Amino acid sequence: MNNKSFTHLSDKGVHMVEVSDKPVVKRTAIAQGKIHLKKETIELIEKEEIKKGNVLTTAQIAAIGAVKSTHHLIPLCHSLKITGVDVGFDLNKETIEVEVSVTSLGKTGVEMEAITGVSVALLTIWDMVKSVEKDDNGQYPSTRISDIVVVKKEKK
């Protein structure tokens, strides 16, 4: 089998891409995503009346932890020295948009860390509001996560 076209596969098997010869530079990535919720759920979040606690603060903490743990979750991701993580929210009538910005001084990008942070923030929101999002059959007909994207990636 010819493995020359795969960056993480050689004749010896799977490996991490070697980055030691790359220069250390400041790297930034910003990712976004959204969760669709019932209007009443958004209102409860805004009033801090969700029984599990402060939804947005918990989601921020979860996102930061996820960014720092990305290399444990995604095979072949490098362990990075993260120098900063910002997590922001934009509450709308029936959605919460999450944005995660990650910076690092390193040899490889931080877009996977930003996407992971967004994903875990959104999952945390869902977990914290699921009791008020469920219908009478225990289902989530209006709850969904969507539009997870990297909106910016740069190195200086």
N, C-alpha and C. Protein backbone atom coordinates (compact mmCIF):
# COMPACT_ATOMS: atom_id res chain seq x y z
N MET A 1 0.85 -1.18 0.00
CA MET A 1 0.00 0.00 0.00
C MET A 1 0.89 1.24 0.00
N ASN A 2 0.56 2.21 -0.83
CA ASN A 2 1.31 3.46 -0.89
C ASN A 2 0.70 4.47 0.06
N ASN A 3 1.41 4.78 1.14
CA ASN A 3 0.91 5.70 2.17
C ASN A 3 1.49 7.10 2.03
N LYS A 4 2.13 7.40 0.94
CA LYS A 4 2.82 8.68 0.79
C LYS A 4 1.86 9.87 0.79
N SER A 5 0.60 9.68 0.45
CA SER A 5 -0.34 10.80 0.38
C SER A 5 -0.99 11.12 1.73
N PHE A 6 -0.81 10.28 2.73
CA PHE A 6 -1.39 10.52 4.04
C PHE A 6 -0.36 11.14 4.97
N THR A 7 -0.71 12.27 5.61
CA THR A 7 0.25 12.95 6.48
C THR A 7 0.48 12.23 7.80
N HIS A 8 -0.48 11.42 8.25
CA HIS A 8 -0.37 10.76 9.54
C HIS A 8 -0.17 9.26 9.42
N LEU A 9 0.20 8.79 8.23
CA LEU A 9 0.34 7.36 7.99
C LEU A 9 1.60 7.12 7.18
N SER A 10 2.39 6.16 7.62
CA SER A 10 3.60 5.78 6.89
C SER A 10 3.64 4.27 6.78
N ASP A 11 4.70 3.75 6.20
CA ASP A 11 4.84 2.30 6.09
C ASP A 11 4.95 1.65 7.46
N LYS A 12 5.28 2.44 8.47
CA LYS A 12 5.40 1.93 9.85
C LYS A 12 4.08 2.04 10.61
N GLY A 13 3.08 2.68 10.03
CA GLY A 13 1.79 2.83 10.68
C GLY A 13 1.45 4.29 10.94
N VAL A 14 0.57 4.52 11.88
CA VAL A 14 0.09 5.86 12.21
C VAL A 14 1.13 6.60 13.04
N HIS A 15 1.27 7.89 12.79
CA HIS A 15 2.20 8.71 13.57
C HIS A 15 1.70 10.15 13.63
N MET A 16 2.21 10.91 14.57
CA MET A 16 1.92 12.34 14.62
C MET A 16 2.86 13.04 13.65
N VAL A 17 2.36 14.10 13.04
CA VAL A 17 3.19 14.88 12.13
C VAL A 17 4.31 15.53 12.94
N GLU A 18 5.51 15.47 12.43
CA GLU A 18 6.69 16.06 13.07
C GLU A 18 6.67 17.57 12.83
N VAL A 19 6.70 18.35 13.91
CA VAL A 19 6.65 19.81 13.79
C VAL A 19 7.87 20.51 14.41
N SER A 20 8.86 19.75 14.84
CA SER A 20 9.97 20.36 15.57
C SER A 20 10.76 21.36 14.75
N ASP A 21 10.76 21.22 13.44
CA ASP A 21 11.49 22.17 12.59
C ASP A 21 10.71 23.45 12.30
N LYS A 22 9.45 23.49 12.67
CA LYS A 22 8.64 24.68 12.41
C LYS A 22 8.96 25.75 13.46
N PRO A 23 8.85 27.02 13.09
CA PRO A 23 9.14 28.08 14.06
C PRO A 23 8.01 28.23 15.08
N VAL A 24 8.37 28.69 16.27
CA VAL A 24 7.37 29.03 17.29
C VAL A 24 6.82 30.40 16.94
N VAL A 25 5.51 30.46 16.73
CA VAL A 25 4.85 31.73 16.44
C VAL A 25 3.55 31.81 17.22
N LYS A 26 3.01 33.02 17.34
CA LYS A 26 1.71 33.20 17.99
C LYS A 26 0.64 32.73 17.01
N ARG A 27 -0.21 31.85 17.50
CA ARG A 27 -1.28 31.29 16.67
C ARG A 27 -2.62 31.54 17.34
N THR A 28 -3.59 31.90 16.53
CA THR A 28 -4.93 32.18 17.03
C THR A 28 -5.95 31.48 16.15
N ALA A 29 -7.00 30.99 16.77
CA ALA A 29 -8.13 30.45 16.02
C ALA A 29 -9.41 30.84 16.75
N ILE A 30 -10.42 31.16 15.97
CA ILE A 30 -11.73 31.49 16.51
C ILE A 30 -12.75 30.57 15.87
N ALA A 31 -13.56 29.93 16.70
CA ALA A 31 -14.63 29.06 16.22
C ALA A 31 -15.95 29.51 16.82
N GLN A 32 -17.01 29.19 16.12
CA GLN A 32 -18.36 29.54 16.57
C GLN A 32 -19.30 28.37 16.35
N GLY A 33 -20.39 28.38 17.07
CA GLY A 33 -21.46 27.41 16.88
C GLY A 33 -22.69 27.90 17.61
N LYS A 34 -23.81 27.22 17.41
CA LYS A 34 -25.03 27.66 18.09
C LYS A 34 -25.86 26.48 18.54
N ILE A 35 -26.67 26.76 19.55
CA ILE A 35 -27.65 25.80 20.03
C ILE A 35 -29.02 26.44 19.92
N HIS A 36 -29.96 25.68 19.38
CA HIS A 36 -31.34 26.13 19.21
C HIS A 36 -32.14 25.62 20.40
N LEU A 37 -32.80 26.53 21.09
CA LEU A 37 -33.57 26.21 22.29
C LEU A 37 -34.94 26.86 22.22
N LYS A 38 -35.82 26.43 23.11
CA LYS A 38 -37.12 27.09 23.21
C LYS A 38 -36.93 28.50 23.76
N LYS A 39 -37.76 29.40 23.33
CA LYS A 39 -37.72 30.79 23.80
C LYS A 39 -37.77 30.84 25.33
N GLU A 40 -38.60 30.01 25.92
CA GLU A 40 -38.75 29.99 27.39
C GLU A 40 -37.45 29.55 28.08
N THR A 41 -36.72 28.67 27.44
CA THR A 41 -35.45 28.21 28.01
C THR A 41 -34.43 29.35 28.02
N ILE A 42 -34.36 30.09 26.92
CA ILE A 42 -33.45 31.24 26.85
C ILE A 42 -33.78 32.23 27.97
N GLU A 43 -35.05 32.47 28.18
CA GLU A 43 -35.47 33.40 29.24
C GLU A 43 -35.04 32.90 30.62
N LEU A 44 -35.16 31.61 30.87
CA LEU A 44 -34.72 31.04 32.15
C LEU A 44 -33.20 31.18 32.32
N ILE A 45 -32.46 31.00 31.24
CA ILE A 45 -31.00 31.16 31.29
C ILE A 45 -30.66 32.61 31.62
N GLU A 46 -31.32 33.53 30.96
CA GLU A 46 -31.06 34.96 31.20
C GLU A 46 -31.36 35.36 32.64
N LYS A 47 -32.39 34.78 33.22
CA LYS A 47 -32.79 35.09 34.61
C LYS A 47 -32.00 34.26 35.63
N GLU A 48 -31.12 33.38 35.13
CA GLU A 48 -30.35 32.45 35.97
C GLU A 48 -31.28 31.59 36.83
N GLU A 49 -32.34 31.05 36.20
CA GLU A 49 -33.33 30.24 36.90
C GLU A 49 -33.29 28.77 36.50
N ILE A 50 -32.23 28.35 35.84
CA ILE A 50 -32.08 26.92 35.52
C ILE A 50 -31.61 26.22 36.79
N LYS A 51 -32.27 25.13 37.15
CA LYS A 51 -32.02 24.47 38.44
C LYS A 51 -30.60 23.93 38.60
N LYS A 52 -29.93 23.58 37.51
CA LYS A 52 -28.56 23.06 37.61
C LYS A 52 -27.55 24.15 37.94
N GLY A 53 -27.92 25.41 37.76
CA GLY A 53 -26.99 26.50 38.07
C GLY A 53 -26.82 27.45 36.91
N ASN A 54 -25.78 28.26 37.00
CA ASN A 54 -25.51 29.27 35.98
C ASN A 54 -25.00 28.59 34.71
N VAL A 55 -25.84 28.57 33.70
CA VAL A 55 -25.57 27.83 32.47
C VAL A 55 -24.35 28.39 31.75
N LEU A 56 -24.27 29.70 31.57
CA LEU A 56 -23.21 30.28 30.77
C LEU A 56 -21.85 30.20 31.46
N THR A 57 -21.82 30.41 32.75
CA THR A 57 -20.55 30.27 33.48
C THR A 57 -20.05 28.83 33.42
N THR A 58 -20.96 27.90 33.61
CA THR A 58 -20.57 26.49 33.54
C THR A 58 -20.08 26.13 32.14
N ALA A 59 -20.74 26.65 31.11
CA ALA A 59 -20.31 26.38 29.73
C ALA A 59 -18.95 27.01 29.44
N GLN A 60 -18.68 28.18 30.01
CA GLN A 60 -17.35 28.79 29.84
C GLN A 60 -16.27 27.90 30.43
N ILE A 61 -16.49 27.44 31.65
CA ILE A 61 -15.51 26.58 32.32
C ILE A 61 -15.31 25.30 31.52
N ALA A 62 -16.41 24.72 31.04
CA ALA A 62 -16.31 23.49 30.25
C ALA A 62 -15.53 23.72 28.96
N ALA A 63 -15.77 24.84 28.30
CA ALA A 63 -15.07 25.15 27.05
C ALA A 63 -13.57 25.29 27.29
N ILE A 64 -13.20 25.99 28.32
CA ILE A 64 -11.78 26.19 28.63
C ILE A 64 -11.11 24.85 28.94
N GLY A 65 -11.77 24.03 29.73
CA GLY A 65 -11.23 22.70 30.03
C GLY A 65 -11.09 21.85 28.78
N ALA A 66 -12.07 21.94 27.89
CA ALA A 66 -12.02 21.17 26.65
C ALA A 66 -10.87 21.62 25.75
N VAL A 67 -10.67 22.94 25.66
CA VAL A 67 -9.56 23.46 24.86
C VAL A 67 -8.25 22.87 25.37
N LYS A 68 -8.07 22.88 26.68
CA LYS A 68 -6.83 22.39 27.27
C LYS A 68 -6.67 20.88 27.15
N SER A 69 -7.78 20.17 26.91
CA SER A 69 -7.75 18.71 26.84
C SER A 69 -7.90 18.16 25.43
N THR A 70 -7.89 19.00 24.44
CA THR A 70 -8.15 18.55 23.07
C THR A 70 -7.24 17.40 22.65
N HIS A 71 -5.97 17.48 23.00
CA HIS A 71 -5.04 16.43 22.58
C HIS A 71 -5.37 15.07 23.20
N HIS A 72 -6.16 15.05 24.27
CA HIS A 72 -6.60 13.78 24.85
C HIS A 72 -7.83 13.23 24.12
N LEU A 73 -8.56 14.11 23.44
CA LEU A 73 -9.82 13.72 22.81
C LEU A 73 -9.69 13.41 21.32
N ILE A 74 -8.82 14.11 20.62
CA ILE A 74 -8.68 13.98 19.18
C ILE A 74 -7.37 13.26 18.88
N PRO A 75 -7.45 12.07 18.32
CA PRO A 75 -6.21 11.34 18.02
C PRO A 75 -5.29 12.16 17.11
N LEU A 76 -4.02 12.10 17.41
CA LEU A 76 -2.95 12.71 16.62
C LEU A 76 -2.86 14.23 16.75
N CYS A 77 -3.66 14.84 17.63
CA CYS A 77 -3.49 16.27 17.92
C CYS A 77 -2.29 16.44 18.83
N HIS A 78 -1.53 17.48 18.58
CA HIS A 78 -0.38 17.77 19.44
C HIS A 78 -0.84 18.40 20.75
N SER A 79 -0.12 18.13 21.80
CA SER A 79 -0.32 18.81 23.08
C SER A 79 0.27 20.21 22.95
N LEU A 80 -0.53 21.23 23.23
CA LEU A 80 -0.09 22.60 23.00
C LEU A 80 -0.06 23.40 24.30
N LYS A 81 0.80 24.40 24.32
CA LYS A 81 0.82 25.35 25.43
C LYS A 81 -0.14 26.47 25.07
N ILE A 82 -1.33 26.38 25.62
CA ILE A 82 -2.36 27.38 25.36
C ILE A 82 -2.03 28.61 26.21
N THR A 83 -2.02 29.78 25.57
CA THR A 83 -1.71 31.01 26.31
C THR A 83 -2.95 31.83 26.61
N GLY A 84 -4.07 31.51 25.98
CA GLY A 84 -5.30 32.25 26.26
C GLY A 84 -6.51 31.60 25.64
N VAL A 85 -7.63 31.70 26.36
CA VAL A 85 -8.92 31.21 25.86
C VAL A 85 -9.98 32.23 26.26
N ASP A 86 -10.75 32.69 25.28
CA ASP A 86 -11.90 33.56 25.55
C ASP A 86 -13.14 32.85 25.05
N VAL A 87 -14.18 32.87 25.87
CA VAL A 87 -15.44 32.24 25.52
C VAL A 87 -16.54 33.28 25.66
N GLY A 88 -17.27 33.51 24.58
CA GLY A 88 -18.34 34.50 24.62
C GLY A 88 -19.65 33.91 24.13
N PHE A 89 -20.74 34.57 24.53
CA PHE A 89 -22.08 34.11 24.17
C PHE A 89 -22.89 35.26 23.62
N ASP A 90 -23.75 34.94 22.67
CA ASP A 90 -24.70 35.89 22.13
C ASP A 90 -26.06 35.22 22.23
N LEU A 91 -26.90 35.72 23.15
CA LEU A 91 -28.22 35.14 23.36
C LEU A 91 -29.22 35.83 22.44
N ASN A 92 -29.93 35.02 21.68
CA ASN A 92 -30.97 35.50 20.78
C ASN A 92 -32.31 34.93 21.23
N LYS A 93 -33.34 35.20 20.47
CA LYS A 93 -34.69 34.77 20.85
C LYS A 93 -34.78 33.26 21.04
N GLU A 94 -34.18 32.48 20.12
CA GLU A 94 -34.27 31.02 20.20
C GLU A 94 -32.94 30.32 19.98
N THR A 95 -31.84 31.06 20.08
CA THR A 95 -30.52 30.44 19.95
C THR A 95 -29.54 31.10 20.91
N ILE A 96 -28.52 30.35 21.23
CA ILE A 96 -27.35 30.90 21.91
C ILE A 96 -26.18 30.60 20.99
N GLU A 97 -25.46 31.64 20.61
CA GLU A 97 -24.27 31.48 19.79
C GLU A 97 -23.06 31.52 20.72
N VAL A 98 -22.15 30.61 20.51
CA VAL A 98 -20.94 30.50 21.31
C VAL A 98 -19.75 30.82 20.40
N GLU A 99 -18.82 31.61 20.93
CA GLU A 99 -17.57 31.87 20.21
C GLU A 99 -16.42 31.59 21.15
N VAL A 100 -15.45 30.84 20.66
CA VAL A 100 -14.26 30.51 21.44
C VAL A 100 -13.04 30.95 20.64
N SER A 101 -12.21 31.74 21.29
CA SER A 101 -10.95 32.20 20.72
C SER A 101 -9.81 31.59 21.51
N VAL A 102 -8.86 30.98 20.79
CA VAL A 102 -7.74 30.31 21.44
C VAL A 102 -6.44 30.87 20.89
N THR A 103 -5.49 31.15 21.79
CA THR A 103 -4.16 31.58 21.38
C THR A 103 -3.12 30.67 21.99
N SER A 104 -2.00 30.58 21.27
CA SER A 104 -0.89 29.74 21.69
C SER A 104 0.38 30.28 21.08
N LEU A 105 1.48 30.02 21.75
CA LEU A 105 2.80 30.22 21.15
C LEU A 105 3.30 28.83 20.83
N GLY A 106 3.33 28.49 19.54
CA GLY A 106 3.68 27.13 19.23
C GLY A 106 4.00 26.91 17.77
N LYS A 107 4.06 25.62 17.43
CA LYS A 107 4.49 25.19 16.10
C LYS A 107 3.35 24.62 15.27
N THR A 108 2.16 24.61 15.82
CA THR A 108 1.01 24.09 15.08
C THR A 108 -0.24 24.86 15.51
N GLY A 109 -1.24 24.86 14.64
CA GLY A 109 -2.43 25.68 14.85
C GLY A 109 -3.32 25.22 15.99
N VAL A 110 -4.26 26.08 16.35
CA VAL A 110 -5.15 25.83 17.48
C VAL A 110 -6.62 25.75 17.07
N GLU A 111 -6.86 25.49 15.78
CA GLU A 111 -8.25 25.44 15.33
C GLU A 111 -9.01 24.26 15.92
N MET A 112 -8.35 23.12 16.11
CA MET A 112 -9.04 21.98 16.72
C MET A 112 -9.41 22.27 18.16
N GLU A 113 -8.56 23.02 18.85
CA GLU A 113 -8.85 23.41 20.23
C GLU A 113 -10.06 24.34 20.28
N ALA A 114 -10.13 25.28 19.34
CA ALA A 114 -11.26 26.22 19.31
C ALA A 114 -12.57 25.49 19.00
N ILE A 115 -12.53 24.58 18.02
CA ILE A 115 -13.74 23.81 17.67
C ILE A 115 -14.17 22.93 18.84
N THR A 116 -13.22 22.32 19.50
CA THR A 116 -13.54 21.47 20.65
C THR A 116 -14.16 22.30 21.77
N GLY A 117 -13.60 23.47 22.03
CA GLY A 117 -14.17 24.36 23.04
C GLY A 117 -15.61 24.73 22.74
N VAL A 118 -15.89 25.09 21.50
CA VAL A 118 -17.26 25.43 21.10
C VAL A 118 -18.18 24.23 21.29
N SER A 119 -17.75 23.08 20.82
CA SER A 119 -18.58 21.87 20.89
C SER A 119 -18.93 21.52 22.33
N VAL A 120 -17.96 21.56 23.21
CA VAL A 120 -18.21 21.20 24.61
C VAL A 120 -19.04 22.27 25.31
N ALA A 121 -18.85 23.53 24.98
CA ALA A 121 -19.71 24.58 25.55
C ALA A 121 -21.17 24.34 25.16
N LEU A 122 -21.40 24.02 23.89
CA LEU A 122 -22.77 23.77 23.43
C LEU A 122 -23.35 22.52 24.08
N LEU A 123 -22.57 21.47 24.19
CA LEU A 123 -23.05 20.25 24.85
C LEU A 123 -23.36 20.51 26.33
N THR A 124 -22.56 21.34 26.96
CA THR A 124 -22.80 21.67 28.37
C THR A 124 -24.10 22.44 28.53
N ILE A 125 -24.34 23.39 27.63
CA ILE A 125 -25.61 24.12 27.67
C ILE A 125 -26.77 23.14 27.55
N TRP A 126 -26.68 22.24 26.56
CA TRP A 126 -27.75 21.25 26.37
C TRP A 126 -27.97 20.44 27.64
N ASP A 127 -26.88 19.95 28.23
CA ASP A 127 -27.00 19.15 29.44
C ASP A 127 -27.67 19.92 30.58
N MET A 128 -27.35 21.18 30.70
CA MET A 128 -27.88 21.96 31.82
C MET A 128 -29.34 22.33 31.64
N VAL A 129 -29.83 22.37 30.39
CA VAL A 129 -31.22 22.79 30.15
C VAL A 129 -32.12 21.65 29.70
N LYS A 130 -31.61 20.45 29.66
CA LYS A 130 -32.40 19.36 29.08
C LYS A 130 -33.71 19.11 29.83
N SER A 131 -33.75 19.38 31.12
CA SER A 131 -34.99 19.14 31.86
C SER A 131 -36.12 20.07 31.41
N VAL A 132 -35.79 21.27 30.96
CA VAL A 132 -36.83 22.19 30.49
C VAL A 132 -37.02 22.14 28.97
N GLU A 133 -36.11 21.49 28.27
CA GLU A 133 -36.22 21.35 26.82
C GLU A 133 -37.02 20.12 26.42
N LYS A 134 -37.08 19.12 27.29
CA LYS A 134 -37.78 17.87 26.95
C LYS A 134 -39.27 18.10 26.76
N ASP A 135 -39.85 17.35 25.82
CA ASP A 135 -41.31 17.38 25.69
C ASP A 135 -41.91 16.31 26.60
N ASP A 136 -43.22 16.12 26.51
CA ASP A 136 -43.91 15.16 27.39
C ASP A 136 -43.47 13.72 27.17
N ASN A 137 -42.85 13.44 26.03
CA ASN A 137 -42.35 12.09 25.74
C ASN A 137 -40.86 11.94 26.04
N GLY A 138 -40.25 12.97 26.65
CA GLY A 138 -38.83 12.90 26.97
C GLY A 138 -37.91 13.16 25.79
N GLN A 139 -38.45 13.73 24.72
CA GLN A 139 -37.67 13.99 23.51
C GLN A 139 -37.33 15.48 23.42
N TYR A 140 -36.46 15.82 22.48
CA TYR A 140 -35.99 17.20 22.30
C TYR A 140 -36.31 17.69 20.89
N PRO A 141 -37.59 17.95 20.60
CA PRO A 141 -37.96 18.28 19.22
C PRO A 141 -37.43 19.64 18.72
N SER A 142 -37.16 20.57 19.61
CA SER A 142 -36.69 21.88 19.15
C SER A 142 -35.23 22.15 19.50
N THR A 143 -34.58 21.22 20.16
CA THR A 143 -33.20 21.42 20.59
C THR A 143 -32.25 20.85 19.56
N ARG A 144 -31.28 21.67 19.13
CA ARG A 144 -30.26 21.15 18.22
C ARG A 144 -29.04 22.04 18.23
N ILE A 145 -27.92 21.45 17.94
CA ILE A 145 -26.64 22.16 17.81
C ILE A 145 -26.34 22.27 16.33
N SER A 146 -25.87 23.45 15.90
CA SER A 146 -25.59 23.62 14.47
C SER A 146 -24.48 24.63 14.25
N ASP A 147 -24.05 24.69 13.01
CA ASP A 147 -23.18 25.75 12.50
C ASP A 147 -21.85 25.89 13.23
N ILE A 148 -21.23 24.77 13.58
CA ILE A 148 -19.91 24.84 14.21
C ILE A 148 -18.89 25.03 13.11
N VAL A 149 -18.19 26.16 13.16
CA VAL A 149 -17.22 26.52 12.11
C VAL A 149 -16.02 27.22 12.70
N VAL A 150 -14.90 27.13 11.98
CA VAL A 150 -13.75 27.96 12.28
C VAL A 150 -13.93 29.24 11.46
N VAL A 151 -14.01 30.37 12.15
CA VAL A 151 -14.23 31.63 11.43
C VAL A 151 -12.95 32.39 11.16
N LYS A 152 -11.88 32.03 11.89
CA LYS A 152 -10.60 32.72 11.68
C LYS A 152 -9.48 31.86 12.21
N LYS A 153 -8.38 31.86 11.47
CA LYS A 153 -7.17 31.18 11.87
C LYS A 153 -6.01 32.04 11.40
N GLU A 154 -5.07 32.34 12.30
CA GLU A 154 -3.93 33.15 11.88
C GLU A 154 -2.69 32.82 12.68
N LYS A 155 -1.56 33.18 12.11
CA LYS A 155 -0.29 33.06 12.83
C LYS A 155 0.50 34.32 12.55
N LYS A 156 1.22 34.75 13.58
CA LYS A 156 2.03 35.99 13.46
C LYS A 156 3.46 35.69 13.82
